N, C-alpha and C. Protein backbone atom coordinates (compact mmCIF):
# COMPACT_ATOMS: atom_id res chain seq x y z
N UNK A 1 6.55 -6.31 8.92
CA UNK A 1 6.30 -6.34 7.50
C UNK A 1 7.46 -7.04 6.82
N UNK A 2 7.15 -7.60 5.69
CA UNK A 2 8.20 -8.28 4.94
C UNK A 2 9.16 -7.27 4.30
N UNK A 3 10.37 -7.73 4.05
CA UNK A 3 11.41 -6.89 3.48
C UNK A 3 11.03 -6.30 2.14
N UNK A 4 10.15 -6.98 1.40
CA UNK A 4 9.76 -6.45 0.09
C UNK A 4 9.12 -5.08 0.23
N UNK A 5 8.45 -4.81 1.35
CA UNK A 5 7.84 -3.51 1.57
C UNK A 5 8.92 -2.45 1.73
N UNK A 6 9.90 -2.72 2.59
CA UNK A 6 10.99 -1.75 2.80
C UNK A 6 11.83 -1.58 1.53
N UNK A 7 12.04 -2.67 0.81
CA UNK A 7 12.78 -2.60 -0.44
C UNK A 7 12.04 -1.75 -1.46
N UNK A 8 10.72 -1.83 -1.46
CA UNK A 8 9.93 -1.03 -2.39
C UNK A 8 10.02 0.46 -2.05
N UNK A 9 10.08 0.79 -0.76
CA UNK A 9 10.28 2.18 -0.37
C UNK A 9 11.63 2.67 -0.89
N UNK A 10 12.64 1.84 -0.70
CA UNK A 10 13.98 2.17 -1.20
C UNK A 10 13.94 2.38 -2.71
N UNK A 11 13.31 1.48 -3.44
CA UNK A 11 13.23 1.58 -4.90
C UNK A 11 12.51 2.86 -5.34
N UNK A 12 11.43 3.20 -4.65
CA UNK A 12 10.68 4.42 -4.96
C UNK A 12 11.57 5.65 -4.81
N UNK A 13 12.28 5.73 -3.70
CA UNK A 13 13.14 6.89 -3.46
C UNK A 13 14.27 6.95 -4.48
N UNK A 14 14.95 5.84 -4.69
CA UNK A 14 16.09 5.84 -5.62
C UNK A 14 15.64 6.16 -7.05
N UNK A 15 14.53 5.58 -7.48
CA UNK A 15 14.05 5.81 -8.84
C UNK A 15 13.68 7.28 -9.07
N UNK A 16 13.17 7.94 -8.04
CA UNK A 16 12.71 9.30 -8.20
C UNK A 16 13.70 10.38 -7.75
N UNK A 17 14.59 10.03 -6.81
CA UNK A 17 15.45 11.06 -6.22
C UNK A 17 16.92 10.67 -6.13
N UNK A 18 17.25 9.42 -6.42
CA UNK A 18 18.64 9.01 -6.45
C UNK A 18 19.13 8.32 -5.18
N UNK A 19 20.25 7.66 -5.34
CA UNK A 19 20.88 6.87 -4.27
C UNK A 19 21.27 7.75 -3.07
N UNK A 20 21.79 8.95 -3.35
CA UNK A 20 22.21 9.83 -2.25
C UNK A 20 21.05 10.21 -1.35
N UNK A 21 19.89 10.45 -1.95
CA UNK A 21 18.70 10.80 -1.15
C UNK A 21 18.29 9.61 -0.30
N UNK A 22 18.39 8.40 -0.85
CA UNK A 22 18.05 7.21 -0.07
C UNK A 22 18.99 7.07 1.13
N UNK A 23 20.28 7.29 0.91
CA UNK A 23 21.24 7.20 2.02
C UNK A 23 20.93 8.24 3.09
N UNK A 24 20.53 9.44 2.68
CA UNK A 24 20.16 10.49 3.65
C UNK A 24 18.92 10.08 4.44
N UNK A 25 17.98 9.45 3.77
CA UNK A 25 16.75 8.99 4.43
C UNK A 25 17.07 7.87 5.42
N UNK A 26 17.91 6.93 5.01
CA UNK A 26 18.29 5.86 5.93
C UNK A 26 18.98 6.42 7.17
N UNK A 27 19.87 7.37 6.97
CA UNK A 27 20.58 7.97 8.11
C UNK A 27 19.60 8.70 9.02
N UNK A 28 18.69 9.47 8.43
CA UNK A 28 17.70 10.21 9.22
C UNK A 28 16.80 9.26 10.00
N UNK A 29 16.46 8.12 9.40
CA UNK A 29 15.54 7.16 10.03
C UNK A 29 16.17 6.41 11.20
N UNK A 30 17.49 6.32 11.18
CA UNK A 30 18.17 5.51 12.20
C UNK A 30 18.12 4.03 11.91
N UNK A 31 17.60 3.65 10.74
CA UNK A 31 17.53 2.25 10.35
C UNK A 31 18.92 1.84 9.85
N UNK A 32 19.52 0.90 10.55
CA UNK A 32 20.88 0.47 10.23
C UNK A 32 20.86 -0.92 9.60
N UNK A 33 20.21 -1.02 8.45
CA UNK A 33 20.12 -2.27 7.71
C UNK A 33 20.67 -2.00 6.32
N UNK A 34 21.72 -2.72 5.94
CA UNK A 34 22.38 -2.46 4.66
C UNK A 34 21.48 -2.78 3.47
N UNK A 35 20.76 -3.90 3.53
CA UNK A 35 19.85 -4.25 2.45
C UNK A 35 18.72 -5.09 3.02
N UNK A 36 17.56 -5.00 2.39
CA UNK A 36 16.38 -5.72 2.84
C UNK A 36 16.20 -6.99 2.02
N UNK A 37 15.95 -8.08 2.70
CA UNK A 37 15.68 -9.36 2.05
C UNK A 37 14.17 -9.46 1.90
N UNK A 38 13.70 -9.55 0.67
CA UNK A 38 12.27 -9.49 0.38
C UNK A 38 11.44 -10.48 1.17
N UNK A 39 11.94 -11.69 1.33
CA UNK A 39 11.15 -12.76 1.94
C UNK A 39 11.29 -12.84 3.47
N UNK A 40 12.03 -11.90 4.06
CA UNK A 40 12.23 -11.92 5.52
C UNK A 40 11.33 -10.90 6.19
N UNK A 41 10.72 -11.27 7.33
CA UNK A 41 9.91 -10.30 8.07
C UNK A 41 10.80 -9.34 8.86
N UNK A 42 10.38 -8.07 8.92
CA UNK A 42 11.04 -7.03 9.70
C UNK A 42 10.00 -6.40 10.61
N UNK A 43 10.47 -5.83 11.70
CA UNK A 43 9.56 -5.15 12.62
C UNK A 43 8.86 -4.00 11.89
N UNK A 44 7.57 -3.81 12.15
CA UNK A 44 6.81 -2.72 11.53
C UNK A 44 7.46 -1.37 11.78
N UNK A 45 8.14 -1.25 12.92
CA UNK A 45 8.77 0.01 13.29
C UNK A 45 9.79 0.47 12.25
N UNK A 46 10.46 -0.48 11.60
CA UNK A 46 11.44 -0.14 10.56
C UNK A 46 10.72 0.59 9.42
N UNK A 47 9.61 0.06 8.98
CA UNK A 47 8.85 0.67 7.88
C UNK A 47 8.35 2.05 8.26
N UNK A 48 7.82 2.18 9.47
CA UNK A 48 7.30 3.48 9.89
C UNK A 48 8.42 4.51 10.04
N UNK A 49 9.58 4.09 10.53
CA UNK A 49 10.72 5.01 10.63
C UNK A 49 11.15 5.49 9.24
N UNK A 50 11.15 4.58 8.27
CA UNK A 50 11.50 4.97 6.90
C UNK A 50 10.48 5.96 6.34
N UNK A 51 9.20 5.71 6.55
CA UNK A 51 8.15 6.60 6.04
C UNK A 51 8.27 8.00 6.65
N UNK A 52 8.54 8.07 7.95
CA UNK A 52 8.70 9.36 8.62
C UNK A 52 9.94 10.07 8.08
N UNK A 53 11.02 9.33 7.89
CA UNK A 53 12.25 9.94 7.37
C UNK A 53 12.05 10.45 5.95
N UNK A 54 11.34 9.72 5.11
CA UNK A 54 11.03 10.19 3.76
C UNK A 54 10.23 11.49 3.86
N UNK A 55 9.25 11.49 4.74
CA UNK A 55 8.41 12.67 4.95
C UNK A 55 9.25 13.89 5.33
N UNK A 56 10.14 13.71 6.28
CA UNK A 56 10.97 14.83 6.74
C UNK A 56 11.97 15.25 5.66
N UNK A 57 12.61 14.30 5.04
CA UNK A 57 13.65 14.60 4.04
C UNK A 57 13.05 15.26 2.80
N UNK A 58 11.82 14.86 2.43
CA UNK A 58 11.20 15.37 1.21
C UNK A 58 10.23 16.52 1.49
N UNK A 59 10.09 16.89 2.76
CA UNK A 59 9.18 17.96 3.16
C UNK A 59 7.74 17.67 2.70
N UNK A 60 7.29 16.45 2.99
CA UNK A 60 5.94 15.99 2.65
C UNK A 60 5.29 15.50 3.93
N UNK A 61 3.96 15.44 3.94
CA UNK A 61 3.29 14.83 5.07
C UNK A 61 3.48 13.31 4.99
N UNK A 62 3.40 12.65 6.11
CA UNK A 62 3.48 11.18 6.11
C UNK A 62 2.34 10.61 5.27
N UNK A 63 1.16 11.23 5.34
CA UNK A 63 0.03 10.78 4.53
C UNK A 63 0.34 10.81 3.04
N UNK A 64 0.98 11.90 2.58
CA UNK A 64 1.35 12.00 1.16
C UNK A 64 2.40 10.95 0.78
N UNK A 65 3.31 10.67 1.70
CA UNK A 65 4.31 9.63 1.46
C UNK A 65 3.61 8.28 1.31
N UNK A 66 2.67 7.99 2.20
CA UNK A 66 1.96 6.71 2.14
C UNK A 66 1.13 6.57 0.87
N UNK A 67 0.50 7.66 0.43
CA UNK A 67 -0.26 7.64 -0.82
C UNK A 67 0.67 7.33 -1.99
N UNK A 68 1.79 8.06 -2.06
CA UNK A 68 2.74 7.84 -3.15
C UNK A 68 3.27 6.41 -3.12
N UNK A 69 3.54 5.91 -1.92
CA UNK A 69 4.04 4.56 -1.81
C UNK A 69 2.98 3.53 -2.23
N UNK A 70 1.73 3.76 -1.86
CA UNK A 70 0.65 2.85 -2.27
C UNK A 70 0.53 2.76 -3.78
N UNK A 71 0.61 3.91 -4.44
CA UNK A 71 0.56 3.91 -5.91
C UNK A 71 1.76 3.15 -6.48
N UNK A 72 2.94 3.43 -5.96
CA UNK A 72 4.17 2.76 -6.42
C UNK A 72 4.05 1.25 -6.22
N UNK A 73 3.50 0.85 -5.07
CA UNK A 73 3.37 -0.57 -4.74
C UNK A 73 2.59 -1.29 -5.83
N UNK A 74 1.49 -0.69 -6.29
CA UNK A 74 0.66 -1.32 -7.32
C UNK A 74 1.32 -1.23 -8.69
N UNK A 75 1.72 -0.02 -9.05
CA UNK A 75 2.19 0.22 -10.42
C UNK A 75 3.54 -0.43 -10.69
N UNK A 76 4.43 -0.42 -9.71
CA UNK A 76 5.78 -0.94 -9.93
C UNK A 76 6.02 -2.29 -9.24
N UNK A 77 5.92 -2.29 -7.92
CA UNK A 77 6.35 -3.47 -7.16
C UNK A 77 5.56 -4.72 -7.52
N UNK A 78 4.25 -4.68 -7.31
CA UNK A 78 3.48 -5.91 -7.54
C UNK A 78 3.33 -6.21 -9.02
N UNK A 79 3.20 -5.18 -9.84
CA UNK A 79 3.05 -5.43 -11.28
C UNK A 79 4.29 -6.06 -11.88
N UNK A 80 5.48 -5.68 -11.36
CA UNK A 80 6.72 -6.24 -11.89
C UNK A 80 7.10 -7.57 -11.23
N UNK A 81 6.88 -7.68 -9.93
CA UNK A 81 7.33 -8.87 -9.20
C UNK A 81 6.29 -9.99 -9.16
N UNK A 82 5.01 -9.63 -9.25
CA UNK A 82 3.94 -10.62 -9.13
C UNK A 82 2.85 -10.39 -10.18
N UNK A 83 3.22 -10.36 -11.47
CA UNK A 83 2.20 -10.07 -12.48
C UNK A 83 1.08 -11.11 -12.51
N UNK A 84 1.41 -12.37 -12.31
CA UNK A 84 0.37 -13.41 -12.31
C UNK A 84 -0.62 -13.21 -11.19
N UNK A 85 -0.12 -12.85 -10.04
CA UNK A 85 -0.98 -12.59 -8.89
C UNK A 85 -1.91 -11.42 -9.17
N UNK A 86 -1.36 -10.35 -9.74
CA UNK A 86 -2.18 -9.19 -10.06
C UNK A 86 -3.20 -9.52 -11.13
N UNK A 87 -2.81 -10.30 -12.14
CA UNK A 87 -3.74 -10.68 -13.20
C UNK A 87 -4.89 -11.52 -12.67
N UNK A 88 -4.64 -12.28 -11.61
CA UNK A 88 -5.68 -13.17 -11.08
C UNK A 88 -6.79 -12.39 -10.37
N UNK A 89 -6.56 -11.10 -10.11
CA UNK A 89 -7.55 -10.29 -9.40
C UNK A 89 -8.72 -9.84 -10.25
N UNK A 90 -8.54 -9.79 -11.54
CA UNK A 90 -9.63 -9.36 -12.42
C UNK A 90 -9.11 -8.58 -13.60
N UNK A 91 -10.02 -8.36 -14.57
CA UNK A 91 -9.65 -7.68 -15.81
C UNK A 91 -9.95 -6.18 -15.78
N UNK A 92 -10.60 -5.72 -14.72
CA UNK A 92 -10.92 -4.30 -14.62
C UNK A 92 -10.96 -3.91 -13.14
N UNK A 93 -11.04 -2.62 -12.89
CA UNK A 93 -10.98 -2.12 -11.52
C UNK A 93 -12.11 -2.70 -10.67
N UNK A 94 -13.31 -2.69 -11.19
CA UNK A 94 -14.46 -3.19 -10.42
C UNK A 94 -14.25 -4.64 -10.01
N UNK A 95 -13.90 -5.50 -10.96
CA UNK A 95 -13.70 -6.91 -10.64
C UNK A 95 -12.55 -7.10 -9.64
N UNK A 96 -11.46 -6.34 -9.81
CA UNK A 96 -10.33 -6.46 -8.90
C UNK A 96 -10.76 -6.11 -7.47
N UNK A 97 -11.49 -5.01 -7.33
CA UNK A 97 -11.94 -4.61 -5.99
C UNK A 97 -12.94 -5.60 -5.39
N UNK A 98 -13.83 -6.12 -6.21
CA UNK A 98 -14.79 -7.13 -5.72
C UNK A 98 -14.05 -8.39 -5.27
N UNK A 99 -12.96 -8.74 -5.96
CA UNK A 99 -12.17 -9.93 -5.60
C UNK A 99 -11.14 -9.67 -4.51
N UNK A 100 -10.96 -8.43 -4.12
CA UNK A 100 -9.93 -8.08 -3.15
C UNK A 100 -10.03 -8.84 -1.83
N UNK A 101 -11.22 -9.13 -1.32
CA UNK A 101 -11.27 -9.89 -0.07
C UNK A 101 -10.55 -11.24 -0.13
N UNK A 102 -10.43 -11.83 -1.31
CA UNK A 102 -9.74 -13.12 -1.46
C UNK A 102 -8.26 -12.96 -1.81
N UNK A 103 -7.83 -11.76 -2.12
CA UNK A 103 -6.49 -11.52 -2.64
C UNK A 103 -5.40 -11.95 -1.66
N UNK A 104 -5.54 -11.58 -0.40
CA UNK A 104 -4.48 -11.88 0.56
C UNK A 104 -4.37 -13.37 0.89
N UNK A 105 -5.40 -14.15 0.59
CA UNK A 105 -5.27 -15.60 0.74
C UNK A 105 -4.20 -16.12 -0.20
N UNK A 106 -4.15 -15.57 -1.42
CA UNK A 106 -3.12 -15.98 -2.38
C UNK A 106 -1.75 -15.42 -1.98
N UNK A 107 -1.73 -14.20 -1.46
CA UNK A 107 -0.47 -13.59 -1.02
C UNK A 107 0.15 -14.39 0.12
N UNK A 108 -0.69 -14.92 1.00
CA UNK A 108 -0.18 -15.68 2.14
C UNK A 108 0.48 -16.99 1.73
N UNK A 109 0.22 -17.45 0.53
CA UNK A 109 0.93 -18.63 0.03
C UNK A 109 2.40 -18.28 -0.23
N UNK A 110 2.66 -17.02 -0.60
CA UNK A 110 4.02 -16.55 -0.87
C UNK A 110 4.70 -16.13 0.44
N UNK A 111 3.94 -15.45 1.31
CA UNK A 111 4.47 -14.90 2.57
C UNK A 111 3.66 -15.46 3.74
N UNK A 112 4.00 -16.66 4.21
CA UNK A 112 3.17 -17.33 5.23
C UNK A 112 3.14 -16.63 6.59
N UNK A 113 4.12 -15.79 6.91
CA UNK A 113 4.14 -15.09 8.19
C UNK A 113 3.45 -13.73 8.12
N UNK A 114 2.81 -13.45 7.01
CA UNK A 114 2.15 -12.18 6.79
C UNK A 114 0.98 -12.00 7.75
N UNK A 115 0.83 -10.79 8.25
CA UNK A 115 -0.37 -10.40 9.01
C UNK A 115 -1.12 -9.43 8.11
N UNK A 116 -1.94 -9.95 7.20
CA UNK A 116 -2.55 -9.09 6.20
C UNK A 116 -3.77 -8.34 6.75
N UNK A 117 -4.11 -7.25 6.08
CA UNK A 117 -5.38 -6.60 6.40
C UNK A 117 -6.51 -7.44 5.83
N UNK A 118 -7.71 -7.09 6.20
CA UNK A 118 -8.88 -7.76 5.65
C UNK A 118 -9.71 -6.71 4.93
N UNK A 119 -10.23 -7.09 3.77
CA UNK A 119 -11.08 -6.19 2.99
C UNK A 119 -12.44 -6.85 2.79
N UNK A 120 -13.47 -6.03 2.82
CA UNK A 120 -14.81 -6.46 2.47
C UNK A 120 -15.40 -5.38 1.57
N UNK A 121 -16.30 -5.76 0.71
CA UNK A 121 -16.95 -4.80 -0.16
C UNK A 121 -18.46 -4.80 0.12
N UNK A 122 -19.07 -3.64 -0.06
CA UNK A 122 -20.52 -3.52 0.10
C UNK A 122 -21.01 -2.44 -0.86
N UNK A 123 -22.31 -2.36 -0.97
CA UNK A 123 -22.94 -1.31 -1.78
C UNK A 123 -22.37 -1.27 -3.19
N UNK A 124 -22.25 -2.44 -3.81
CA UNK A 124 -21.66 -2.55 -5.15
C UNK A 124 -22.66 -2.08 -6.20
N UNK A 125 -22.21 -1.16 -7.05
CA UNK A 125 -23.01 -0.70 -8.18
C UNK A 125 -22.16 -0.83 -9.44
N UNK A 126 -22.72 -0.41 -10.56
CA UNK A 126 -21.97 -0.47 -11.82
C UNK A 126 -20.75 0.46 -11.80
N UNK A 127 -20.85 1.56 -11.04
CA UNK A 127 -19.78 2.56 -11.06
C UNK A 127 -19.21 2.87 -9.69
N UNK A 128 -19.35 1.94 -8.74
CA UNK A 128 -18.77 2.21 -7.44
C UNK A 128 -19.05 1.11 -6.43
N UNK A 129 -18.42 1.27 -5.28
CA UNK A 129 -18.63 0.36 -4.15
C UNK A 129 -18.02 0.99 -2.90
N UNK A 130 -18.33 0.38 -1.78
CA UNK A 130 -17.68 0.75 -0.53
C UNK A 130 -16.68 -0.35 -0.19
N UNK A 131 -15.45 0.06 0.11
CA UNK A 131 -14.39 -0.87 0.48
C UNK A 131 -14.13 -0.72 1.97
N UNK A 132 -14.35 -1.80 2.72
CA UNK A 132 -14.13 -1.83 4.16
C UNK A 132 -12.72 -2.38 4.41
N UNK A 133 -11.95 -1.64 5.21
CA UNK A 133 -10.55 -1.98 5.47
C UNK A 133 -10.38 -2.24 6.96
N UNK A 134 -9.97 -3.46 7.29
CA UNK A 134 -9.72 -3.87 8.67
C UNK A 134 -8.24 -4.22 8.79
N UNK A 135 -7.57 -3.67 9.79
CA UNK A 135 -6.16 -3.97 9.96
C UNK A 135 -5.77 -3.85 11.42
N UNK A 136 -4.80 -4.69 11.82
CA UNK A 136 -4.24 -4.57 13.16
C UNK A 136 -3.33 -3.36 13.25
N UNK A 137 -2.87 -2.87 12.11
CA UNK A 137 -1.95 -1.74 12.07
C UNK A 137 -2.74 -0.44 11.95
N UNK A 138 -2.41 0.52 12.77
CA UNK A 138 -3.05 1.83 12.72
C UNK A 138 -2.30 2.73 11.75
N UNK A 139 -3.00 3.70 11.18
CA UNK A 139 -2.36 4.77 10.43
C UNK A 139 -2.00 4.47 9.00
N UNK A 140 -2.53 3.40 8.42
CA UNK A 140 -2.16 3.07 7.04
C UNK A 140 -3.28 3.33 6.04
N UNK A 141 -4.33 4.05 6.45
CA UNK A 141 -5.42 4.27 5.50
C UNK A 141 -4.99 5.08 4.29
N UNK A 142 -3.98 5.95 4.43
CA UNK A 142 -3.51 6.70 3.26
C UNK A 142 -2.72 5.79 2.31
N UNK A 143 -2.08 4.77 2.85
CA UNK A 143 -1.44 3.76 2.00
C UNK A 143 -2.51 3.05 1.17
N UNK A 144 -3.63 2.69 1.81
CA UNK A 144 -4.74 2.04 1.09
C UNK A 144 -5.28 2.99 0.03
N UNK A 145 -5.40 4.27 0.36
CA UNK A 145 -5.85 5.26 -0.63
C UNK A 145 -4.90 5.22 -1.85
N UNK A 146 -3.60 5.19 -1.60
CA UNK A 146 -2.63 5.10 -2.68
C UNK A 146 -2.76 3.82 -3.49
N UNK A 147 -3.01 2.70 -2.79
CA UNK A 147 -3.22 1.43 -3.50
C UNK A 147 -4.40 1.53 -4.46
N UNK A 148 -5.50 2.11 -3.99
CA UNK A 148 -6.70 2.24 -4.83
C UNK A 148 -6.43 3.15 -6.01
N UNK A 149 -5.73 4.26 -5.76
CA UNK A 149 -5.38 5.16 -6.86
C UNK A 149 -4.46 4.46 -7.84
N UNK A 150 -3.52 3.65 -7.33
CA UNK A 150 -2.63 2.89 -8.20
C UNK A 150 -3.40 1.88 -9.04
N UNK A 151 -4.39 1.22 -8.43
CA UNK A 151 -5.21 0.28 -9.19
C UNK A 151 -5.98 1.00 -10.29
N UNK A 152 -6.49 2.20 -9.97
CA UNK A 152 -7.16 3.00 -10.99
C UNK A 152 -6.24 3.28 -12.17
N UNK A 153 -4.98 3.62 -11.88
CA UNK A 153 -4.01 3.87 -12.95
C UNK A 153 -3.70 2.59 -13.71
N UNK A 154 -3.54 1.48 -12.97
CA UNK A 154 -3.23 0.20 -13.60
C UNK A 154 -4.32 -0.20 -14.60
N UNK A 155 -5.58 0.05 -14.22
CA UNK A 155 -6.70 -0.33 -15.08
C UNK A 155 -7.16 0.84 -15.96
N UNK A 156 -6.39 1.94 -15.95
CA UNK A 156 -6.72 3.11 -16.77
C UNK A 156 -8.15 3.57 -16.49
N UNK A 157 -8.50 3.63 -15.21
CA UNK A 157 -9.84 4.00 -14.77
C UNK A 157 -9.73 5.07 -13.69
N UNK A 158 -10.12 6.31 -14.01
CA UNK A 158 -10.08 7.35 -12.98
C UNK A 158 -10.99 6.99 -11.80
N UNK A 159 -10.48 7.23 -10.59
CA UNK A 159 -11.27 6.92 -9.40
C UNK A 159 -11.47 8.17 -8.54
N UNK A 160 -12.60 8.22 -7.90
CA UNK A 160 -12.88 9.23 -6.88
C UNK A 160 -13.02 8.49 -5.56
N UNK A 161 -12.28 8.95 -4.56
CA UNK A 161 -12.25 8.28 -3.26
C UNK A 161 -12.73 9.21 -2.17
N UNK A 162 -13.50 8.64 -1.26
CA UNK A 162 -13.91 9.40 -0.08
C UNK A 162 -13.82 8.46 1.12
N UNK A 163 -13.11 8.88 2.16
CA UNK A 163 -13.04 8.12 3.40
C UNK A 163 -14.27 8.48 4.20
N UNK A 164 -15.23 7.55 4.29
CA UNK A 164 -16.50 7.88 4.93
C UNK A 164 -16.61 7.36 6.37
N UNK A 165 -15.64 6.56 6.78
CA UNK A 165 -15.60 6.07 8.16
C UNK A 165 -14.14 5.76 8.50
N UNK A 166 -13.73 6.12 9.74
CA UNK A 166 -12.34 5.88 10.12
C UNK A 166 -12.20 5.58 11.60
N UNK A 167 -11.20 4.78 11.91
CA UNK A 167 -10.88 4.49 13.32
C UNK A 167 -10.43 5.75 14.04
N UNK A 168 -9.90 6.72 13.29
CA UNK A 168 -9.48 7.97 13.91
C UNK A 168 -10.64 8.71 14.57
N UNK A 169 -11.86 8.38 14.14
CA UNK A 169 -13.06 9.00 14.70
C UNK A 169 -13.88 8.00 15.49
N UNK A 170 -13.25 6.91 15.92
CA UNK A 170 -13.91 5.96 16.82
C UNK A 170 -14.58 4.76 16.18
N UNK A 171 -14.52 4.63 14.86
CA UNK A 171 -15.12 3.47 14.19
C UNK A 171 -14.23 2.24 14.36
N UNK A 172 -14.78 1.10 14.05
CA UNK A 172 -14.02 -0.16 14.18
C UNK A 172 -13.08 -0.40 13.00
N UNK A 173 -13.34 0.26 11.86
CA UNK A 173 -12.53 0.09 10.66
C UNK A 173 -12.78 1.26 9.72
N UNK A 174 -11.99 1.30 8.64
CA UNK A 174 -12.17 2.35 7.64
C UNK A 174 -13.10 1.87 6.53
N UNK A 175 -13.84 2.82 5.98
CA UNK A 175 -14.65 2.54 4.78
C UNK A 175 -14.32 3.63 3.75
N UNK A 176 -13.92 3.17 2.58
CA UNK A 176 -13.69 4.07 1.46
C UNK A 176 -14.86 3.94 0.48
N UNK A 177 -15.46 5.06 0.12
CA UNK A 177 -16.45 5.08 -0.96
C UNK A 177 -15.66 5.33 -2.24
N UNK A 178 -15.74 4.40 -3.17
CA UNK A 178 -14.94 4.46 -4.40
C UNK A 178 -15.92 4.53 -5.59
N UNK A 179 -15.71 5.53 -6.42
CA UNK A 179 -16.49 5.64 -7.66
C UNK A 179 -15.55 5.73 -8.84
N UNK A 180 -16.00 5.20 -9.98
CA UNK A 180 -15.19 5.26 -11.21
C UNK A 180 -16.08 5.59 -12.39
């Protein structure tokens, strides 16, 4: 993953719990990197070690950490660092989600070494849709849940989410049923 992801985890912790808590998390994780360069790729293991350390240090499940991080990613990181990119997704939650399958094509212009997930939408109605999530990385569906919740907050649209299919139960990908 790119350094911007690890930097965003750092920013989330420092903004909510302070620099000392971040240093404790880094020590617990065993990650010996003084600072993350946003545009540089890092091994996925670094990100997962940080997430586990946050979980242990904050006495939260890894899933809850990933949800919180997903929301932070949308509300803070991308909204502040890439407002034009976020604006290009649509003017409301429905349009943004319908356009999501094309979103990572634009992101790859910024981060050419990115291995992005793939999204597809189906069963689109006026107040909901199914979001299909395909990724080479396992265990990030709660991060996606956080992203969707963050998008709901960004567009001031309450969302109800249900994971109706998951690789954890033998499926080929995750499907989130999203209603607003």
